[in-house]
Amino acid sequence: MPRLLLSLASMALALPLLAAEPAAASADELWQRLQAGGHVLVVRHAATEPGLGDPPGFVLGDCATQRNLSAPGRADAQALGAAVRHHGVPVARVLSSRWCRCQDTARLAFGRVEAVAMLDSMMYDGDAARARKLAELRQSVLAWQAPGNLVLVTHDVNIRALTGDRLAQGEMLVATRRPDGTLAVVGRLGMPKSVDAVQSM
């Protein structure tokens, strides 16, 4: 068969697969899904002071040694929480990396946080450590049975390892659980512009 015909045949076979891919849910659809509960909301920490990672010699338990939320980032985290409340989203557990920028995002948005090592930044981890964190997280997601939605506040590198998605600071993924504890992403929600903007919806 000539190459052109082979290419056309390959494209024809691929079209049903492409057509079967679900379209990304709209923001309104995502908020409705969250209102019903039973979802996992994956949040990248809000905007920080400029930089990548943390300063040399940072100490996990000492926020002064870390890259922390900027003033706009703190406002963004508050706007995130205001949007969740505005849409009547039931929040069950709020789990966070132990890094201060993640805990602060969780507290400002949701008013509470459980800091857990399995959501700590993977930036400095080897392959084995990353695999252990992912396995522990999937087990926790699978074991979660409470009503409402489970919130995970973590870092870009962790989100990429968990779902393959890249999020801007403060963005959120709405996901469902698969039987093996991995996440099926339904869509993403951008960071609300301000608390005032949320309240004026």
N, C-alpha and C. Protein backbone atom coordinates (compact mmCIF):
# COMPACT_ATOMS: atom_id res chain seq x y z
N MET A 1 0.84 -1.19 0.00
CA MET A 1 0.00 0.00 0.00
C MET A 1 0.88 1.25 0.00
N PRO A 2 0.62 2.25 -0.87
CA PRO A 2 1.43 3.46 -0.88
C PRO A 2 1.43 4.13 0.48
N ARG A 3 2.51 4.89 0.71
CA ARG A 3 2.65 5.55 2.02
C ARG A 3 1.47 6.46 2.33
N LEU A 4 0.96 7.21 1.33
CA LEU A 4 -0.15 8.12 1.56
C LEU A 4 -1.38 7.38 2.05
N LEU A 5 -1.65 6.22 1.41
CA LEU A 5 -2.81 5.44 1.83
C LEU A 5 -2.62 4.90 3.24
N LEU A 6 -1.39 4.48 3.57
CA LEU A 6 -1.12 4.01 4.93
C LEU A 6 -1.36 5.11 5.95
N SER A 7 -0.90 6.31 5.63
CA SER A 7 -1.08 7.44 6.54
C SER A 7 -2.56 7.74 6.74
N LEU A 8 -3.32 7.73 5.62
CA LEU A 8 -4.76 8.00 5.72
C LEU A 8 -5.47 6.92 6.54
N ALA A 9 -5.03 5.68 6.34
CA ALA A 9 -5.64 4.58 7.10
C ALA A 9 -5.35 4.73 8.59
N SER A 10 -4.11 5.12 8.92
CA SER A 10 -3.75 5.31 10.32
C SER A 10 -4.57 6.43 10.93
N MET A 11 -4.75 7.52 10.19
CA MET A 11 -5.55 8.63 10.69
C MET A 11 -6.99 8.21 10.91
N ALA A 12 -7.53 7.40 10.01
CA ALA A 12 -8.91 6.94 10.14
C ALA A 12 -9.09 6.09 11.39
N LEU A 13 -8.08 5.25 11.69
CA LEU A 13 -8.15 4.42 12.88
C LEU A 13 -8.06 5.27 14.14
N ALA A 14 -7.30 6.34 14.07
CA ALA A 14 -7.10 7.18 15.26
C ALA A 14 -8.30 8.04 15.56
N LEU A 15 -9.11 8.39 14.54
CA LEU A 15 -10.22 9.31 14.75
C LEU A 15 -11.22 8.83 15.80
N PRO A 16 -11.65 7.54 15.78
CA PRO A 16 -12.58 7.11 16.83
C PRO A 16 -11.99 7.27 18.22
N LEU A 17 -10.68 7.04 18.37
CA LEU A 17 -10.06 7.19 19.67
C LEU A 17 -10.08 8.63 20.11
N LEU A 18 -9.80 9.56 19.19
CA LEU A 18 -9.83 10.97 19.53
C LEU A 18 -11.25 11.41 19.86
N ALA A 19 -12.21 10.92 19.13
CA ALA A 19 -13.59 11.30 19.37
C ALA A 19 -14.09 10.81 20.72
N ALA A 20 -13.52 9.69 21.19
CA ALA A 20 -13.95 9.12 22.46
C ALA A 20 -13.41 9.88 23.66
N GLU A 21 -12.38 10.72 23.46
CA GLU A 21 -11.82 11.47 24.57
C GLU A 21 -12.86 12.44 25.10
N PRO A 22 -13.16 12.44 26.42
CA PRO A 22 -14.16 13.36 26.94
C PRO A 22 -13.67 14.80 26.87
N ALA A 23 -14.60 15.71 26.56
CA ALA A 23 -14.25 17.12 26.53
C ALA A 23 -14.03 17.61 27.95
N ALA A 24 -13.13 18.58 28.11
CA ALA A 24 -12.86 19.14 29.42
C ALA A 24 -14.12 19.80 29.95
N ALA A 25 -14.41 19.56 31.22
CA ALA A 25 -15.61 20.13 31.82
C ALA A 25 -15.43 21.64 31.99
N SER A 26 -16.53 22.37 31.87
CA SER A 26 -16.48 23.82 32.08
C SER A 26 -16.36 24.11 33.56
N ALA A 27 -16.03 25.35 33.90
CA ALA A 27 -15.90 25.74 35.30
C ALA A 27 -17.21 25.50 36.05
N ASP A 28 -18.34 25.85 35.43
CA ASP A 28 -19.64 25.64 36.09
C ASP A 28 -19.87 24.16 36.37
N GLU A 29 -19.52 23.30 35.41
CA GLU A 29 -19.69 21.86 35.60
C GLU A 29 -18.79 21.34 36.72
N LEU A 30 -17.58 21.88 36.79
CA LEU A 30 -16.66 21.44 37.84
C LEU A 30 -17.16 21.84 39.22
N TRP A 31 -17.67 23.06 39.35
CA TRP A 31 -18.21 23.48 40.65
C TRP A 31 -19.41 22.61 41.02
N GLN A 32 -20.24 22.26 40.05
CA GLN A 32 -21.39 21.40 40.33
C GLN A 32 -20.93 20.02 40.80
N ARG A 33 -19.90 19.51 40.18
CA ARG A 33 -19.37 18.21 40.59
C ARG A 33 -18.87 18.28 42.04
N LEU A 34 -18.16 19.35 42.36
CA LEU A 34 -17.62 19.50 43.71
C LEU A 34 -18.74 19.67 44.74
N GLN A 35 -19.82 20.32 44.35
CA GLN A 35 -20.95 20.48 45.26
C GLN A 35 -21.53 19.13 45.66
N ALA A 36 -21.46 18.17 44.75
CA ALA A 36 -22.00 16.84 45.02
C ALA A 36 -21.08 16.01 45.92
N GLY A 37 -19.81 16.43 46.07
CA GLY A 37 -18.86 15.69 46.90
C GLY A 37 -18.26 14.49 46.20
N GLY A 38 -17.39 13.80 46.91
CA GLY A 38 -16.78 12.58 46.40
C GLY A 38 -15.63 12.79 45.44
N HIS A 39 -15.11 14.01 45.35
CA HIS A 39 -14.02 14.31 44.44
C HIS A 39 -12.74 14.64 45.21
N VAL A 40 -11.65 14.65 44.48
CA VAL A 40 -10.37 15.07 45.03
C VAL A 40 -9.99 16.39 44.37
N LEU A 41 -9.72 17.40 45.19
CA LEU A 41 -9.32 18.72 44.71
C LEU A 41 -7.82 18.87 44.95
N VAL A 42 -7.05 18.86 43.87
CA VAL A 42 -5.59 18.96 43.96
C VAL A 42 -5.21 20.42 43.74
N VAL A 43 -4.57 21.02 44.72
CA VAL A 43 -4.27 22.45 44.69
C VAL A 43 -2.76 22.66 44.70
N ARG A 44 -2.28 23.45 43.76
CA ARG A 44 -0.88 23.90 43.87
C ARG A 44 -0.86 25.12 44.78
N HIS A 45 0.13 25.19 45.65
CA HIS A 45 0.21 26.32 46.58
C HIS A 45 0.10 27.65 45.83
N ALA A 46 -0.35 28.68 46.51
CA ALA A 46 -0.54 29.99 45.90
C ALA A 46 0.80 30.65 45.61
N ALA A 47 0.74 31.83 45.01
CA ALA A 47 1.94 32.53 44.52
C ALA A 47 2.94 32.82 45.65
N THR A 48 4.20 32.64 45.33
CA THR A 48 5.27 32.81 46.31
C THR A 48 6.17 33.98 45.94
N GLU A 49 7.09 34.27 46.84
CA GLU A 49 8.18 35.18 46.50
C GLU A 49 8.96 34.57 45.35
N PRO A 50 9.64 35.38 44.53
CA PRO A 50 10.37 34.84 43.37
C PRO A 50 11.39 33.78 43.78
N GLY A 51 11.58 32.81 42.90
CA GLY A 51 12.58 31.78 43.16
C GLY A 51 12.11 30.42 42.72
N LEU A 52 13.02 29.46 42.80
CA LEU A 52 12.74 28.07 42.46
C LEU A 52 13.21 27.21 43.61
N GLY A 53 12.33 26.33 44.09
CA GLY A 53 12.71 25.51 45.22
C GLY A 53 12.84 26.35 46.48
N ASP A 54 13.89 26.10 47.25
CA ASP A 54 14.11 26.82 48.50
C ASP A 54 15.57 27.23 48.61
N PRO A 55 15.87 28.22 49.48
CA PRO A 55 17.26 28.65 49.66
C PRO A 55 18.13 27.49 50.17
N PRO A 56 19.41 27.52 49.87
CA PRO A 56 20.31 26.48 50.39
C PRO A 56 20.25 26.42 51.92
N GLY A 57 20.22 25.22 52.44
CA GLY A 57 20.22 25.04 53.89
C GLY A 57 18.88 25.32 54.54
N PHE A 58 17.80 25.34 53.76
CA PHE A 58 16.48 25.60 54.36
C PHE A 58 16.14 24.50 55.36
N VAL A 59 15.32 24.86 56.34
CA VAL A 59 14.89 23.93 57.38
C VAL A 59 13.38 23.76 57.27
N LEU A 60 12.93 22.53 57.20
CA LEU A 60 11.52 22.24 56.97
C LEU A 60 10.63 22.87 58.03
N GLY A 61 11.05 22.85 59.28
CA GLY A 61 10.22 23.38 60.35
C GLY A 61 10.39 24.86 60.61
N ASP A 62 11.18 25.55 59.80
CA ASP A 62 11.46 26.97 60.01
C ASP A 62 11.06 27.75 58.76
N CYS A 63 9.88 28.39 58.82
CA CYS A 63 9.36 29.10 57.64
C CYS A 63 10.29 30.21 57.18
N ALA A 64 11.05 30.80 58.09
CA ALA A 64 11.94 31.90 57.74
C ALA A 64 13.04 31.47 56.78
N THR A 65 13.31 30.17 56.70
CA THR A 65 14.38 29.68 55.83
C THR A 65 13.84 29.21 54.47
N GLN A 66 12.54 29.29 54.25
CA GLN A 66 11.92 28.75 53.04
C GLN A 66 11.44 29.86 52.11
N ARG A 67 11.09 29.48 50.89
CA ARG A 67 10.40 30.39 49.98
C ARG A 67 8.92 30.35 50.33
N ASN A 68 8.40 31.49 50.72
CA ASN A 68 7.05 31.55 51.26
C ASN A 68 6.08 32.29 50.34
N LEU A 69 4.80 32.29 50.73
CA LEU A 69 3.80 33.00 49.96
C LEU A 69 4.12 34.50 49.93
N SER A 70 3.88 35.10 48.79
CA SER A 70 3.98 36.56 48.68
C SER A 70 2.67 37.16 49.19
N ALA A 71 2.64 38.48 49.33
CA ALA A 71 1.39 39.14 49.75
C ALA A 71 0.27 38.86 48.74
N PRO A 72 0.53 38.97 47.41
CA PRO A 72 -0.53 38.59 46.46
C PRO A 72 -0.93 37.12 46.58
N GLY A 73 0.04 36.26 46.89
CA GLY A 73 -0.27 34.84 47.05
C GLY A 73 -1.19 34.59 48.24
N ARG A 74 -0.98 35.31 49.32
CA ARG A 74 -1.87 35.16 50.48
C ARG A 74 -3.29 35.62 50.13
N ALA A 75 -3.37 36.70 49.37
CA ALA A 75 -4.70 37.16 48.93
C ALA A 75 -5.34 36.14 47.99
N ASP A 76 -4.52 35.54 47.12
CA ASP A 76 -5.03 34.52 46.21
C ASP A 76 -5.59 33.32 46.97
N ALA A 77 -4.88 32.90 48.02
CA ALA A 77 -5.34 31.75 48.81
C ALA A 77 -6.68 32.07 49.48
N GLN A 78 -6.82 33.29 49.96
CA GLN A 78 -8.09 33.69 50.57
C GLN A 78 -9.21 33.71 49.52
N ALA A 79 -8.88 34.16 48.31
CA ALA A 79 -9.87 34.17 47.22
C ALA A 79 -10.28 32.76 46.83
N LEU A 80 -9.32 31.84 46.85
CA LEU A 80 -9.62 30.43 46.56
C LEU A 80 -10.65 29.90 47.55
N GLY A 81 -10.40 30.16 48.84
CA GLY A 81 -11.34 29.70 49.86
C GLY A 81 -12.71 30.35 49.71
N ALA A 82 -12.72 31.64 49.36
CA ALA A 82 -13.98 32.35 49.18
C ALA A 82 -14.77 31.73 48.03
N ALA A 83 -14.09 31.33 46.95
CA ALA A 83 -14.76 30.71 45.82
C ALA A 83 -15.36 29.36 46.21
N VAL A 84 -14.62 28.59 46.98
CA VAL A 84 -15.12 27.29 47.43
C VAL A 84 -16.37 27.47 48.29
N ARG A 85 -16.34 28.44 49.19
CA ARG A 85 -17.51 28.69 50.04
C ARG A 85 -18.68 29.26 49.23
N HIS A 86 -18.37 30.16 48.30
CA HIS A 86 -19.41 30.78 47.47
C HIS A 86 -20.19 29.72 46.68
N HIS A 87 -19.50 28.69 46.22
CA HIS A 87 -20.14 27.65 45.42
C HIS A 87 -20.71 26.51 46.29
N GLY A 88 -20.64 26.65 47.60
CA GLY A 88 -21.23 25.65 48.47
C GLY A 88 -20.57 24.29 48.38
N VAL A 89 -19.24 24.29 48.24
CA VAL A 89 -18.50 23.04 48.10
C VAL A 89 -18.20 22.46 49.48
N PRO A 90 -18.66 21.24 49.77
CA PRO A 90 -18.35 20.62 51.06
C PRO A 90 -16.90 20.11 51.08
N VAL A 91 -16.17 20.53 52.09
CA VAL A 91 -14.76 20.15 52.22
C VAL A 91 -14.62 19.20 53.39
N ALA A 92 -14.04 18.02 53.13
CA ALA A 92 -13.81 17.04 54.19
C ALA A 92 -12.41 17.27 54.77
N ARG A 93 -11.48 16.43 54.43
CA ARG A 93 -10.11 16.58 54.93
C ARG A 93 -9.32 17.52 54.03
N VAL A 94 -8.41 18.27 54.65
CA VAL A 94 -7.50 19.14 53.92
C VAL A 94 -6.09 18.71 54.26
N LEU A 95 -5.45 18.01 53.32
CA LEU A 95 -4.09 17.51 53.53
C LEU A 95 -3.11 18.41 52.78
N SER A 96 -1.93 18.60 53.37
CA SER A 96 -0.96 19.52 52.78
C SER A 96 0.45 19.00 52.97
N SER A 97 1.30 19.40 52.04
CA SER A 97 2.75 19.28 52.24
C SER A 97 3.12 20.00 53.54
N ARG A 98 4.23 19.59 54.14
CA ARG A 98 4.68 20.25 55.37
C ARG A 98 5.41 21.55 55.09
N TRP A 99 5.67 21.85 53.81
CA TRP A 99 6.30 23.14 53.46
C TRP A 99 5.35 24.28 53.84
N CYS A 100 5.91 25.37 54.35
CA CYS A 100 5.09 26.47 54.87
C CYS A 100 4.19 27.07 53.81
N ARG A 101 4.65 27.19 52.56
CA ARG A 101 3.81 27.82 51.54
C ARG A 101 2.56 27.00 51.25
N CYS A 102 2.65 25.69 51.41
CA CYS A 102 1.48 24.84 51.21
C CYS A 102 0.55 24.91 52.42
N GLN A 103 1.10 24.81 53.62
CA GLN A 103 0.27 24.90 54.81
C GLN A 103 -0.43 26.25 54.90
N ASP A 104 0.28 27.32 54.57
CA ASP A 104 -0.33 28.65 54.61
C ASP A 104 -1.45 28.76 53.59
N THR A 105 -1.24 28.21 52.40
CA THR A 105 -2.31 28.21 51.39
C THR A 105 -3.54 27.50 51.93
N ALA A 106 -3.34 26.34 52.53
CA ALA A 106 -4.47 25.55 53.05
C ALA A 106 -5.20 26.30 54.17
N ARG A 107 -4.45 26.87 55.10
CA ARG A 107 -5.08 27.57 56.22
C ARG A 107 -5.86 28.80 55.74
N LEU A 108 -5.25 29.57 54.85
CA LEU A 108 -5.92 30.78 54.37
C LEU A 108 -7.16 30.45 53.54
N ALA A 109 -7.12 29.35 52.81
CA ALA A 109 -8.24 28.98 51.95
C ALA A 109 -9.33 28.23 52.71
N PHE A 110 -8.92 27.26 53.54
CA PHE A 110 -9.89 26.33 54.13
C PHE A 110 -10.00 26.43 55.65
N GLY A 111 -9.11 27.19 56.27
CA GLY A 111 -9.19 27.39 57.72
C GLY A 111 -8.61 26.28 58.55
N ARG A 112 -8.10 25.25 57.90
CA ARG A 112 -7.51 24.13 58.65
C ARG A 112 -6.59 23.35 57.73
N VAL A 113 -5.73 22.53 58.33
CA VAL A 113 -4.80 21.75 57.52
C VAL A 113 -4.25 20.59 58.33
N GLU A 114 -4.01 19.47 57.64
CA GLU A 114 -3.26 18.34 58.20
C GLU A 114 -1.99 18.20 57.36
N ALA A 115 -0.85 18.51 57.95
CA ALA A 115 0.41 18.42 57.20
C ALA A 115 0.90 16.99 57.18
N VAL A 116 1.20 16.47 55.97
CA VAL A 116 1.61 15.07 55.82
C VAL A 116 2.84 14.98 54.92
N ALA A 117 3.75 14.11 55.27
CA ALA A 117 5.01 13.97 54.53
C ALA A 117 4.81 13.49 53.10
N MET A 118 3.75 12.74 52.84
CA MET A 118 3.56 12.18 51.50
C MET A 118 3.29 13.25 50.45
N LEU A 119 2.94 14.48 50.87
CA LEU A 119 2.73 15.58 49.94
C LEU A 119 3.91 16.55 49.90
N ASP A 120 4.97 16.25 50.67
CA ASP A 120 6.17 17.10 50.65
C ASP A 120 6.78 17.16 49.27
N SER A 121 7.45 18.25 48.97
CA SER A 121 8.06 18.44 47.66
C SER A 121 8.97 17.27 47.28
N MET A 122 8.84 16.82 46.04
CA MET A 122 9.67 15.75 45.50
C MET A 122 10.92 16.27 44.80
N MET A 123 11.10 17.59 44.81
CA MET A 123 12.19 18.17 44.04
C MET A 123 13.55 17.59 44.40
N TYR A 124 13.74 17.28 45.66
CA TYR A 124 15.04 16.81 46.12
C TYR A 124 15.08 15.29 46.31
N ASP A 125 14.02 14.60 45.87
CA ASP A 125 13.93 13.16 46.08
C ASP A 125 14.52 12.36 44.92
N GLY A 126 15.02 11.19 45.24
CA GLY A 126 15.38 10.23 44.21
C GLY A 126 14.16 9.44 43.76
N ASP A 127 14.35 8.55 42.80
CA ASP A 127 13.22 7.79 42.25
C ASP A 127 12.51 6.96 43.31
N ALA A 128 13.26 6.34 44.20
CA ALA A 128 12.65 5.47 45.21
C ALA A 128 11.79 6.28 46.18
N ALA A 129 12.29 7.44 46.60
CA ALA A 129 11.53 8.27 47.52
C ALA A 129 10.26 8.80 46.87
N ARG A 130 10.37 9.18 45.59
CA ARG A 130 9.17 9.64 44.87
C ARG A 130 8.14 8.53 44.77
N ALA A 131 8.59 7.33 44.46
CA ALA A 131 7.68 6.20 44.33
C ALA A 131 6.97 5.91 45.66
N ARG A 132 7.71 6.01 46.77
CA ARG A 132 7.11 5.76 48.08
C ARG A 132 6.03 6.79 48.38
N LYS A 133 6.30 8.06 48.09
CA LYS A 133 5.31 9.10 48.36
C LYS A 133 4.05 8.89 47.52
N LEU A 134 4.23 8.57 46.26
CA LEU A 134 3.08 8.34 45.39
C LEU A 134 2.27 7.14 45.85
N ALA A 135 2.93 6.08 46.24
CA ALA A 135 2.23 4.88 46.70
C ALA A 135 1.44 5.17 47.97
N GLU A 136 2.05 5.91 48.91
CA GLU A 136 1.36 6.25 50.15
C GLU A 136 0.16 7.15 49.88
N LEU A 137 0.35 8.11 48.98
CA LEU A 137 -0.74 9.02 48.66
C LEU A 137 -1.91 8.28 48.01
N ARG A 138 -1.60 7.38 47.09
CA ARG A 138 -2.67 6.62 46.43
C ARG A 138 -3.42 5.75 47.42
N GLN A 139 -2.71 5.19 48.38
CA GLN A 139 -3.37 4.39 49.42
C GLN A 139 -4.30 5.27 50.25
N SER A 140 -3.87 6.48 50.58
CA SER A 140 -4.69 7.39 51.39
C SER A 140 -5.91 7.84 50.61
N VAL A 141 -5.73 8.14 49.34
CA VAL A 141 -6.85 8.54 48.50
C VAL A 141 -7.86 7.40 48.39
N LEU A 142 -7.37 6.19 48.22
CA LEU A 142 -8.23 5.03 48.08
C LEU A 142 -8.99 4.74 49.37
N ALA A 143 -8.32 4.95 50.51
CA ALA A 143 -8.93 4.64 51.81
C ALA A 143 -9.92 5.70 52.27
N TRP A 144 -9.85 6.89 51.68
CA TRP A 144 -10.72 7.99 52.12
C TRP A 144 -12.18 7.66 51.82
N GLN A 145 -13.02 7.73 52.87
CA GLN A 145 -14.42 7.36 52.73
C GLN A 145 -15.38 8.46 53.17
N ALA A 146 -14.86 9.56 53.68
CA ALA A 146 -15.74 10.59 54.23
C ALA A 146 -16.56 11.26 53.13
N PRO A 147 -17.73 11.84 53.48
CA PRO A 147 -18.47 12.64 52.50
C PRO A 147 -17.73 13.94 52.22
N GLY A 148 -18.22 14.71 51.29
CA GLY A 148 -17.52 15.95 50.92
C GLY A 148 -16.42 15.66 49.93
N ASN A 149 -15.44 16.56 49.88
CA ASN A 149 -14.32 16.43 48.95
C ASN A 149 -13.00 16.41 49.71
N LEU A 150 -12.06 15.65 49.19
CA LEU A 150 -10.73 15.58 49.76
C LEU A 150 -9.85 16.61 49.07
N VAL A 151 -9.15 17.43 49.86
CA VAL A 151 -8.28 18.48 49.31
C VAL A 151 -6.82 18.10 49.55
N LEU A 152 -6.01 18.21 48.49
CA LEU A 152 -4.58 17.95 48.57
C LEU A 152 -3.85 19.21 48.12
N VAL A 153 -3.07 19.82 49.02
CA VAL A 153 -2.32 21.03 48.68
C VAL A 153 -0.85 20.66 48.60
N THR A 154 -0.24 20.85 47.43
CA THR A 154 1.13 20.38 47.25
C THR A 154 1.88 21.22 46.23
N HIS A 155 2.92 20.64 45.64
CA HIS A 155 3.86 21.36 44.78
C HIS A 155 3.72 20.94 43.32
N ASP A 156 4.23 21.79 42.43
CA ASP A 156 4.19 21.51 41.00
C ASP A 156 4.79 20.16 40.65
N VAL A 157 5.96 19.85 41.18
CA VAL A 157 6.65 18.61 40.84
C VAL A 157 5.82 17.40 41.28
N ASN A 158 5.14 17.51 42.41
CA ASN A 158 4.30 16.41 42.89
C ASN A 158 3.07 16.23 42.01
N ILE A 159 2.47 17.35 41.61
CA ILE A 159 1.26 17.27 40.78
C ILE A 159 1.59 16.65 39.43
N ARG A 160 2.75 17.02 38.87
CA ARG A 160 3.16 16.43 37.60
C ARG A 160 3.37 14.92 37.74
N ALA A 161 3.95 14.50 38.87
CA ALA A 161 4.16 13.07 39.10
C ALA A 161 2.84 12.34 39.32
N LEU A 162 1.88 13.02 39.94
CA LEU A 162 0.62 12.40 40.30
C LEU A 162 -0.35 12.30 39.13
N THR A 163 -0.40 13.38 38.31
CA THR A 163 -1.41 13.42 37.25
C THR A 163 -0.85 13.73 35.87
N GLY A 164 0.39 14.21 35.81
CA GLY A 164 0.96 14.62 34.54
C GLY A 164 0.62 16.04 34.15
N ASP A 165 -0.13 16.75 34.99
CA ASP A 165 -0.55 18.11 34.68
C ASP A 165 0.41 19.14 35.27
N ARG A 166 0.56 20.26 34.57
CA ARG A 166 1.30 21.42 35.09
C ARG A 166 0.28 22.49 35.47
N LEU A 167 0.35 22.96 36.72
CA LEU A 167 -0.56 23.99 37.19
C LEU A 167 0.21 25.26 37.50
N ALA A 168 -0.43 26.40 37.26
CA ALA A 168 0.11 27.65 37.76
C ALA A 168 -0.11 27.69 39.27
N GLN A 169 0.64 28.55 39.95
CA GLN A 169 0.46 28.66 41.39
C GLN A 169 -0.97 29.07 41.70
N GLY A 170 -1.59 28.31 42.60
CA GLY A 170 -2.96 28.59 42.99
C GLY A 170 -4.03 27.92 42.16
N GLU A 171 -3.66 27.27 41.06
CA GLU A 171 -4.65 26.56 40.26
C GLU A 171 -5.02 25.23 40.92
N MET A 172 -6.16 24.68 40.48
CA MET A 172 -6.69 23.46 41.09
C MET A 172 -7.12 22.46 40.03
N LEU A 173 -6.94 21.19 40.32
CA LEU A 173 -7.47 20.11 39.49
C LEU A 173 -8.62 19.44 40.23
N VAL A 174 -9.69 19.15 39.51
CA VAL A 174 -10.80 18.37 40.05
C VAL A 174 -10.66 16.96 39.49
N ALA A 175 -10.63 15.98 40.38
CA ALA A 175 -10.38 14.60 39.95
C ALA A 175 -11.29 13.61 40.66
N THR A 176 -11.42 12.44 40.07
CA THR A 176 -12.09 11.32 40.71
C THR A 176 -11.06 10.22 40.95
N ARG A 177 -11.42 9.30 41.82
CA ARG A 177 -10.52 8.19 42.15
C ARG A 177 -10.76 7.00 41.25
N ARG A 178 -9.66 6.41 40.80
CA ARG A 178 -9.75 5.13 40.12
C ARG A 178 -9.63 4.01 41.17
N PRO A 179 -9.96 2.78 40.80
CA PRO A 179 -9.90 1.67 41.77
C PRO A 179 -8.52 1.42 42.36
N ASP A 180 -7.45 1.87 41.67
CA ASP A 180 -6.10 1.65 42.20
C ASP A 180 -5.58 2.86 42.98
N GLY A 181 -6.43 3.87 43.20
CA GLY A 181 -6.01 5.04 43.96
C GLY A 181 -5.40 6.14 43.12
N THR A 182 -5.18 5.90 41.82
CA THR A 182 -4.71 6.98 40.96
C THR A 182 -5.88 7.92 40.67
N LEU A 183 -5.58 9.09 40.13
CA LEU A 183 -6.59 10.11 39.92
C LEU A 183 -6.92 10.28 38.44
N ALA A 184 -8.19 10.40 38.15
CA ALA A 184 -8.66 10.72 36.79
C ALA A 184 -9.09 12.18 36.80
N VAL A 185 -8.36 13.01 36.11
CA VAL A 185 -8.64 14.45 36.13
C VAL A 185 -9.87 14.76 35.30
N VAL A 186 -10.80 15.50 35.90
CA VAL A 186 -12.02 15.92 35.21
C VAL A 186 -11.81 17.29 34.56
N GLY A 187 -11.04 18.16 35.21
CA GLY A 187 -10.79 19.49 34.68
C GLY A 187 -10.03 20.33 35.67
N ARG A 188 -9.76 21.57 35.29
CA ARG A 188 -9.02 22.46 36.18
C ARG A 188 -9.77 23.76 36.40
N LEU A 189 -9.53 24.35 37.57
CA LEU A 189 -10.12 25.62 37.94
C LEU A 189 -9.01 26.63 38.16
N GLY A 190 -9.13 27.79 37.54
CA GLY A 190 -8.14 28.83 37.71
C GLY A 190 -8.31 29.54 39.03
N MET A 191 -7.29 30.30 39.41
CA MET A 191 -7.34 31.06 40.65
C MET A 191 -8.29 32.24 40.50
N PRO A 192 -9.29 32.38 41.41
CA PRO A 192 -10.14 33.57 41.36
C PRO A 192 -9.31 34.84 41.52
N LYS A 193 -9.74 35.93 40.89
CA LYS A 193 -8.93 37.15 40.87
C LYS A 193 -8.84 37.81 42.23
N SER A 194 -9.89 37.77 43.00
CA SER A 194 -9.87 38.41 44.32
C SER A 194 -11.08 37.96 45.10
N VAL A 195 -11.05 38.19 46.41
CA VAL A 195 -12.21 37.90 47.25
C VAL A 195 -13.38 38.75 46.81
N ASP A 196 -13.15 40.02 46.50
CA ASP A 196 -14.22 40.92 46.06
C ASP A 196 -14.87 40.41 44.79
N ALA A 197 -14.04 39.88 43.85
CA ALA A 197 -14.59 39.36 42.60
C ALA A 197 -15.48 38.17 42.86
N VAL A 198 -15.09 37.32 43.80
CA VAL A 198 -15.90 36.15 44.15
C VAL A 198 -17.22 36.59 44.75
N GLN A 199 -17.16 37.55 45.67
CA GLN A 199 -18.37 37.98 46.36
C GLN A 199 -19.34 38.70 45.43
N SER A 200 -18.84 39.21 44.31
CA SER A 200 -19.71 39.92 43.38
C SER A 200 -20.31 39.00 42.32
N MET A 201 -20.00 37.69 42.38
CA MET A 201 -20.52 36.75 41.40
C MET A 201 -22.06 36.69 41.46
